[in-house]
Structure formats: structure tokens, C-alpha cells
């Protein structure tokens, strides 16, 4: 099985357990490990894959908690950096009954990861790399690191997975920056996962199919658009179809998209040549069906990493 590197942020999610109260009135918060690429790495490992995480946390108790959480999930943390001069990034999250949420971020160490800290030789040892971040593209050293690592992976024919993870509170008054940077990443990407909202924002097209076409024109090989209960629209090699999901009662949608991507990469890593997976429609359908199921199950539990299912849990579902 091919090993997978996930690059980006690792942070603390303080989730308000007072449903529908919002961050203004909420009083009770539960501490959970979070960060989109960290969630993906955990999803891969909990399913039985070989996931590595590269990022930066503060040299504090929160940072140690996060390292331990990833390791408990089976993730290799040898590329996790502790910054002695910065605090671990924190996010405060409130939930509504329908599972939707909003955020307040207190950004810290995650934006300080430098390209030299990753190590070129280490990066070249992977056949699959996932770039999925709500914060890495915002600015600071992490933005340059992110784009350099993606370019290096592209030059070395590494399979590149990209999830822009748009968060409205992070990109207020900077939407054009988000769109421009996301389009830069698309030209390197073998696989892009977006929500129906994200593809409209990035492409500027209200029609999802037109947005998918633009993504392909920019360089994306395979595009997956998650459609909630309706399933996932998958587009590749001129083919397009919607693959259904399972129906669940959503408690918390945090991490569901990351669980989908983690499940996809877990299945992809079992192929001898990940770059050629799109040549087999049956394989693609099987992988997306599995990924939809993992993403849906994650919505039935609170938190992100803590809610990720194991392969045994997936097999128990009919």
C-alpha cells in the first residue's frame, strides 16, 4: 500500500455543545483535535492506511495533545514541527441542529511552517500527497510552503489531491484572493474535492457542470463535487455522473468532507499506479461509493477526528 502525506494545519476545535446558541450565548465547549489535512490523515489511518502528517503546532500542551491524538489514530507524526515561539492555533465552533456551523479562529503556529522544514528528500518519498487546508493559503510562510510542495510533487509525478476548504469567516474581504490561489492549485491537481458552494465560488459559474468544465480546463484531472444527501458528482476523462450516498441523521458535519477525501485516498493507495486510476470507471465508482459512506457516517458523531469510522464500522453497514 502506498503511503500518503497530508500537509497543512493541525489545531484545536473548541466545539460549543449548546446547540443553536451561537458563539455569543454558548457557554459549554468541548475540546477536539481538528484541521482539515489532519482530519484526512486520521481518516486514512483509522481505515488502515499509511498516513503521514506535515504541519506545525505550538510547543505547548495543546500541541502535545494534538500530536497524541494523531498518533492514537495511527498517523505518523515524524514531520510534525513544534514551534517554541508561537502558540497552537485555536478554532471556536458553534453548531446548529442541521449540523451546520460557524467559526472564530485564533491563528498561531500553523501558518509558520517553512518549506525547508519539510525536507525535499522526504517529500519525494511519497507517491500520493494531499493538500487540504482552510488556513494554509491565507498567508505567512505556510502559503509559500504549500505552493512549493505542490509544485515539487507535480514535477515528480506524485498524485496530488486538493481540497480548498473554503471558510467564509477566514476570507472576508479577500474572496478574490481565495479564488486566485485556488485556481493556481487546480493546475497541479489530479483530484479535486469541493462542495457545491465552493465550485460556484471558485469557478464563478452558478451551474455546477459549467464549473466542473472550468476546473478541468484549468488542469484538474478528476473533480468530485459533494452534494450532501444527494451524493457526489464525479467528473473525469469527459465522463460525469452522480454517485449516491447513504441517508443518516446529521449531528455534526465537521470533518465529513475530510473523511470523504481520506476514504478516497485510502482506496487509491491500494492501487499500484494511483495516477492511472481514472482509466477504470468501475474502480472510480467503487471508491466514491465507499468514500460517500465514510463521509456520511462521520456526520452522525460530534467532532472531526473523534467521529471518523474504522474499516470494521464501515463493513458492518449494509
Protein backbone atom coordinates (compact mmCIF):
# COMPACT_ATOMS: atom_id res chain seq x y z
CA UNK A 1 0.00 0.00 0.00
CA UNK A 2 1.34 3.44 -0.96
CA UNK A 3 1.97 5.89 1.87
CA UNK A 4 0.20 9.25 1.85
CA UNK A 5 1.40 12.66 3.05
CA UNK A 6 -1.13 15.26 4.23
CA UNK A 7 0.15 18.84 4.54
CA UNK A 8 -1.47 21.77 6.32
CA UNK A 9 -2.95 22.82 9.63
CA UNK A 10 -3.42 20.96 12.89
CA UNK A 11 -5.39 22.84 15.53
CA UNK A 12 -7.77 22.72 18.47
CA UNK A 13 -11.51 22.90 17.79
CA UNK A 14 -13.47 24.15 20.80
CA UNK A 15 -16.97 22.99 19.87
CA UNK A 16 -19.90 24.65 21.60
CA UNK A 17 -22.16 21.91 22.93
CA UNK A 18 -25.04 24.37 23.42
CA UNK A 19 -26.80 23.68 20.12
CA UNK A 20 -28.29 26.71 18.32
CA UNK A 21 -26.90 29.11 20.92
CA UNK A 22 -24.16 30.54 18.71
CA UNK A 23 -20.78 31.70 19.97
CA UNK A 24 -22.33 34.77 21.60
CA UNK A 25 -24.54 32.88 24.05
CA UNK A 26 -22.81 29.50 24.16
CA UNK A 27 -21.12 28.62 27.47
CA UNK A 28 -20.06 24.98 27.21
CA UNK A 29 -17.27 23.89 24.88
CA UNK A 30 -15.72 20.50 24.14
CA UNK A 31 -12.04 20.31 23.11
CA UNK A 32 -11.39 18.31 19.93
CA UNK A 33 -8.44 17.92 17.58
CA UNK A 34 -9.05 19.46 14.17
CA UNK A 35 -7.58 20.86 10.97
CA UNK A 36 -8.64 19.66 7.52
CA UNK A 37 -5.45 17.82 6.44
CA UNK A 38 -5.07 16.36 9.93
CA UNK A 39 -8.61 15.03 9.68
CA UNK A 40 -7.79 13.45 6.32
CA UNK A 41 -4.64 11.79 7.66
CA UNK A 42 -6.60 10.40 10.60
CA UNK A 43 -9.35 9.10 8.33
CA UNK A 44 -6.77 7.25 6.24
CA UNK A 45 -5.05 5.73 9.25
CA UNK A 46 -8.24 4.71 11.04
CA UNK A 47 -9.26 2.82 7.92
CA UNK A 48 -5.91 1.02 7.90
CA UNK A 49 -3.82 3.14 5.52
CA UNK A 50 -0.34 4.62 5.93
CA UNK A 51 -0.77 8.35 6.55
CA UNK A 52 1.86 10.94 7.43
CA UNK A 53 1.11 14.46 8.60
CA UNK A 54 3.28 17.54 7.99
CA UNK A 55 2.48 20.77 9.79
CA UNK A 56 3.34 22.97 12.76
CA UNK A 57 1.89 23.41 16.25
CA UNK A 58 2.98 25.37 19.30
CA UNK A 59 5.36 23.85 21.81
CA UNK A 60 2.58 23.80 24.41
CA UNK A 61 0.05 21.45 25.99
CA UNK A 62 -2.36 21.84 23.10
CA UNK A 63 0.39 20.89 20.65
CA UNK A 64 1.23 17.77 22.64
CA UNK A 65 -2.46 16.86 22.81
CA UNK A 66 -2.74 17.13 19.04
CA UNK A 67 0.36 15.02 18.43
CA UNK A 68 -1.02 12.34 20.74
CA UNK A 69 -4.41 12.43 19.04
CA UNK A 70 -2.90 11.84 15.61
CA UNK A 71 -0.71 9.04 16.91
CA UNK A 72 -3.68 7.41 18.62
CA UNK A 73 -5.37 7.39 15.21
CA UNK A 74 -2.29 5.72 13.72
CA UNK A 75 -0.84 8.74 11.89
CA UNK A 76 2.95 9.09 11.53
CA UNK A 77 3.89 12.46 13.11
CA UNK A 78 7.61 12.45 12.29
CA UNK A 79 7.06 15.51 10.05
CA UNK A 80 5.11 17.48 12.70
CA UNK A 81 7.08 20.54 13.87
CA UNK A 82 6.83 22.19 17.30
CA UNK A 83 7.36 25.96 17.32
CA UNK A 84 8.87 27.27 20.57
CA UNK A 85 7.87 30.87 19.88
CA UNK A 86 4.23 30.53 18.86
CA UNK A 87 1.03 29.06 20.28
CA UNK A 88 -1.08 26.30 18.79
CA UNK A 89 -3.88 27.55 16.53
CA UNK A 90 -7.37 27.52 18.09
CA UNK A 91 -10.82 27.47 16.50
CA UNK A 92 -14.13 28.05 18.26
CA UNK A 93 -17.09 26.37 16.57
CA UNK A 94 -20.84 26.65 17.15
CA UNK A 95 -23.37 24.15 15.79
CA UNK A 96 -26.97 24.30 14.60
CA UNK A 97 -29.47 21.45 14.68
CA UNK A 98 -28.94 20.80 10.96
CA UNK A 99 -25.23 20.19 11.56
CA UNK A 100 -24.02 23.46 10.00
CA UNK A 101 -21.57 25.61 11.92
CA UNK A 102 -19.62 28.87 12.11
CA UNK A 103 -16.08 29.63 13.27
CA UNK A 104 -13.80 32.03 15.08
CA UNK A 105 -10.07 31.37 14.55
CA UNK A 106 -7.18 32.41 16.77
CA UNK A 107 -4.31 31.66 14.41
CA UNK A 108 -0.92 30.57 15.68
CA UNK A 109 1.85 28.16 14.73
CA UNK A 110 0.20 26.51 11.72
CA UNK A 111 0.99 29.50 9.45
CA UNK A 112 4.72 29.37 10.26
CA UNK A 113 5.67 26.10 8.54
CA UNK A 114 8.57 26.64 6.12
CA UNK A 115 9.46 24.60 3.05
CA UNK A 116 12.94 23.79 4.37
CA UNK A 117 11.39 22.22 7.46
CA UNK A 118 9.62 19.64 5.29
CA UNK A 119 12.75 18.33 3.59
CA UNK A 120 12.85 17.73 -0.17
CA UNK A 121 14.04 14.13 0.13
CA UNK A 122 11.16 13.30 2.46
CA UNK A 123 8.64 14.88 0.11
CA UNK A 124 9.99 12.90 -2.85
CA UNK A 125 9.45 9.62 -0.99
CA UNK A 126 5.65 9.84 -1.36
CA UNK A 127 3.53 8.78 -4.35
CA UNK A 128 0.39 10.48 -3.01
CA UNK A 129 0.15 13.91 -1.38
CA UNK A 130 -2.94 15.67 -0.10
CA UNK A 131 -3.22 19.44 0.16
CA UNK A 132 -6.42 20.29 2.01
CA UNK A 133 -6.47 23.45 4.03
CA UNK A 134 -8.73 26.11 5.41
CA UNK A 135 -5.80 28.23 6.58
CA UNK A 136 -2.51 27.39 4.79
CA UNK A 137 -3.31 29.59 1.80
CA UNK A 138 -4.17 32.65 3.92
CA UNK A 139 -0.61 33.94 4.04
CA UNK A 140 2.59 33.72 6.04
CA UNK A 141 5.34 31.17 5.37
CA UNK A 142 2.80 28.34 5.13
CA UNK A 143 1.35 29.71 1.88
CA UNK A 144 4.71 29.65 0.10
CA UNK A 145 5.48 26.25 1.63
CA UNK A 146 2.18 24.86 0.41
CA UNK A 147 2.62 26.02 -3.17
CA UNK A 148 6.28 24.97 -3.35
CA UNK A 149 5.47 21.50 -2.06
CA UNK A 150 2.64 21.17 -4.57
CA UNK A 151 4.90 22.25 -7.43
CA UNK A 152 7.60 19.78 -6.34
CA UNK A 153 5.03 16.97 -6.18
CA UNK A 154 3.78 17.86 -9.67
CA UNK A 155 7.31 17.83 -11.10
CA UNK A 156 7.95 14.40 -9.57
CA UNK A 157 4.67 12.92 -10.89
CA UNK A 158 3.19 12.47 -7.42
CA UNK A 159 -0.58 12.02 -7.29
CA UNK A 160 -1.89 15.35 -5.97
CA UNK A 161 -5.17 15.68 -4.07
CA UNK A 162 -6.52 19.17 -3.35
CA UNK A 163 -9.42 20.39 -1.22
CA UNK A 164 -9.65 24.21 -0.87
CA UNK A 165 -11.83 24.00 2.28
CA UNK A 166 -13.39 27.44 1.93
CA UNK A 167 -14.45 29.12 5.19
CA UNK A 168 -16.29 32.40 4.79
CA UNK A 169 -15.06 33.84 8.11
CA UNK A 170 -11.43 33.31 7.06
CA UNK A 171 -11.70 35.03 3.69
CA UNK A 172 -13.89 38.04 4.50
CA UNK A 173 -12.99 40.90 2.12
CA UNK A 174 -10.45 38.59 0.42
CA UNK A 175 -12.64 36.38 -1.72
CA UNK A 176 -10.76 37.24 -4.91
CA UNK A 177 -7.51 36.09 -3.24
CA UNK A 178 -9.09 32.76 -2.34
CA UNK A 179 -10.32 32.23 -5.90
CA UNK A 180 -6.96 33.18 -7.46
CA UNK A 181 -4.91 30.91 -5.17
CA UNK A 182 -7.32 28.01 -5.55
CA UNK A 183 -7.03 28.26 -9.33
CA UNK A 184 -3.23 28.11 -9.00
CA UNK A 185 -3.59 24.85 -7.11
CA UNK A 186 -6.03 23.37 -9.64
CA UNK A 187 -3.42 23.30 -12.40
CA UNK A 188 -1.35 20.81 -10.36
CA UNK A 189 -4.22 18.64 -9.13
CA UNK A 190 -5.02 15.07 -10.12
CA UNK A 191 -8.03 15.01 -7.80
CA UNK A 192 -10.05 17.96 -6.51
CA UNK A 193 -12.81 17.67 -3.94
CA UNK A 194 -15.16 20.65 -3.49
CA UNK A 195 -18.63 21.30 -2.17
CA UNK A 196 -21.35 22.63 -4.46
CA UNK A 197 -20.84 26.04 -2.83
CA UNK A 198 -17.07 26.01 -3.36
CA UNK A 199 -17.18 25.16 -7.05
CA UNK A 200 -19.56 28.07 -7.67
CA UNK A 201 -17.30 30.46 -5.75
CA UNK A 202 -14.05 29.38 -7.41
CA UNK A 203 -15.38 28.99 -10.95
CA UNK A 204 -17.74 31.96 -10.88
CA UNK A 205 -20.34 29.71 -12.52
CA UNK A 206 -23.77 29.17 -10.98
CA UNK A 207 -24.20 25.97 -13.00
CA UNK A 208 -22.15 23.19 -11.38
CA UNK A 209 -21.45 21.40 -14.68
CA UNK A 210 -20.04 24.60 -16.15
CA UNK A 211 -17.91 25.00 -13.05
CA UNK A 212 -16.59 21.45 -13.39
CA UNK A 213 -15.67 22.13 -17.02
CA UNK A 214 -13.70 25.21 -15.97
CA UNK A 215 -11.86 23.17 -13.33
CA UNK A 216 -10.81 20.68 -15.98
CA UNK A 217 -9.71 23.46 -18.30
CA UNK A 218 -7.51 24.83 -15.52
CA UNK A 219 -5.80 21.44 -15.13
CA UNK A 220 -7.77 19.33 -12.65
CA UNK A 221 -7.91 15.71 -13.84
CA UNK A 222 -10.72 14.36 -11.62
CA UNK A 223 -13.30 16.60 -9.93
CA UNK A 224 -15.60 15.44 -7.14
CA UNK A 225 -18.41 17.77 -6.04
CA UNK A 226 -20.10 16.71 -2.81
CA UNK A 227 -23.85 17.31 -2.89
CA UNK A 228 -24.87 16.40 0.65
CA UNK A 229 -27.64 13.79 0.80
CA UNK A 230 -27.72 13.63 -2.99
CA UNK A 231 -24.26 12.05 -3.13
CA UNK A 232 -21.23 13.12 -5.16
CA UNK A 233 -20.87 14.37 -8.72
CA UNK A 234 -17.72 12.84 -10.19
CA UNK A 235 -16.17 14.07 -13.46
CA UNK A 236 -13.14 12.66 -15.32
CA UNK A 237 -12.00 11.93 -18.89
CA UNK A 238 -15.14 13.51 -20.31
CA UNK A 239 -17.42 11.36 -18.13
CA UNK A 240 -19.75 12.74 -15.46
CA UNK A 241 -22.19 11.05 -13.08
CA UNK A 242 -23.73 11.43 -9.62
CA UNK A 243 -22.95 8.60 -7.22
CA UNK A 244 -25.40 8.20 -4.35
CA UNK A 245 -24.69 8.27 -0.63
CA UNK A 246 -26.44 6.74 2.38
CA UNK A 247 -29.03 8.65 4.41
CA UNK A 248 -28.10 9.50 8.00
CA UNK A 249 -29.23 11.86 10.76
CA UNK A 250 -26.63 14.62 10.74
CA UNK A 251 -25.40 15.70 14.18
CA UNK A 252 -22.19 17.49 13.19
CA UNK A 253 -20.92 17.92 9.62
CA UNK A 254 -17.44 18.94 10.85
CA UNK A 255 -14.88 16.76 9.12
CA UNK A 256 -17.33 14.96 6.80
CA UNK A 257 -15.63 16.28 3.67
CA UNK A 258 -12.23 15.37 5.10
CA UNK A 259 -13.49 11.87 5.90
CA UNK A 260 -14.65 11.55 2.27
CA UNK A 261 -11.20 12.56 1.00
CA UNK A 262 -9.43 10.29 3.49
CA UNK A 263 -11.53 7.33 2.40
CA UNK A 264 -10.86 8.13 -1.25
CA UNK A 265 -7.09 8.30 -0.69
CA UNK A 266 -7.13 5.12 1.42
CA UNK A 267 -8.65 3.23 -1.50
CA UNK A 268 -6.41 4.96 -4.04
CA UNK A 269 -3.27 3.99 -2.10
CA UNK A 270 -4.07 0.32 -2.67
CA UNK A 271 -3.59 0.74 -6.42
CA UNK A 272 -0.14 0.08 -7.87
CA UNK A 273 -0.26 3.21 -10.01
CA UNK A 274 -2.58 5.87 -8.49
CA UNK A 275 -2.11 8.15 -11.50
CA UNK A 276 -3.94 5.66 -13.74
CA UNK A 277 -6.98 5.05 -11.52
CA UNK A 278 -9.23 7.21 -13.69
CA UNK A 279 -8.87 4.73 -16.56
CA UNK A 280 -11.29 2.32 -14.87
CA UNK A 281 -14.87 3.62 -14.38
CA UNK A 282 -15.82 0.67 -12.17
CA UNK A 283 -12.91 1.39 -9.83
CA UNK A 284 -13.89 5.05 -9.60
CA UNK A 285 -17.49 4.22 -8.77
CA UNK A 286 -16.43 1.73 -6.10
CA UNK A 287 -14.07 4.26 -4.49
CA UNK A 288 -16.62 7.10 -4.47
CA UNK A 289 -19.39 4.86 -3.05
CA UNK A 290 -17.06 3.88 -0.23
CA UNK A 291 -15.99 7.50 0.34
CA UNK A 292 -19.60 8.71 0.45
CA UNK A 293 -20.37 6.14 3.11
CA UNK A 294 -17.41 7.16 5.29
CA UNK A 295 -18.30 10.85 4.98
CA UNK A 296 -21.93 10.21 5.91
CA UNK A 297 -21.08 8.15 8.98
CA UNK A 298 -18.79 10.92 10.23
CA UNK A 299 -21.81 13.28 10.33
CA UNK A 300 -23.53 11.07 12.93
CA UNK A 301 -20.99 11.87 15.68
CA UNK A 302 -19.64 15.01 17.36
CA UNK A 303 -16.23 16.32 16.39
CA UNK A 304 -13.96 15.60 13.44
CA UNK A 305 -11.17 13.10 14.20
CA UNK A 306 -13.15 11.52 17.03
CA UNK A 307 -16.06 10.87 14.67
CA UNK A 308 -14.04 9.10 11.96
CA UNK A 309 -15.05 5.46 11.49
CA UNK A 310 -12.84 2.37 11.30
CA UNK A 311 -12.98 -0.11 8.43
CA UNK A 312 -14.82 -2.54 10.72
CA UNK A 313 -17.59 0.03 11.31
CA UNK A 314 -17.95 0.52 7.55
CA UNK A 315 -18.19 -3.21 6.93
CA UNK A 316 -21.00 -3.52 9.50
CA UNK A 317 -23.23 -1.27 7.39
CA UNK A 318 -25.43 -2.97 4.84
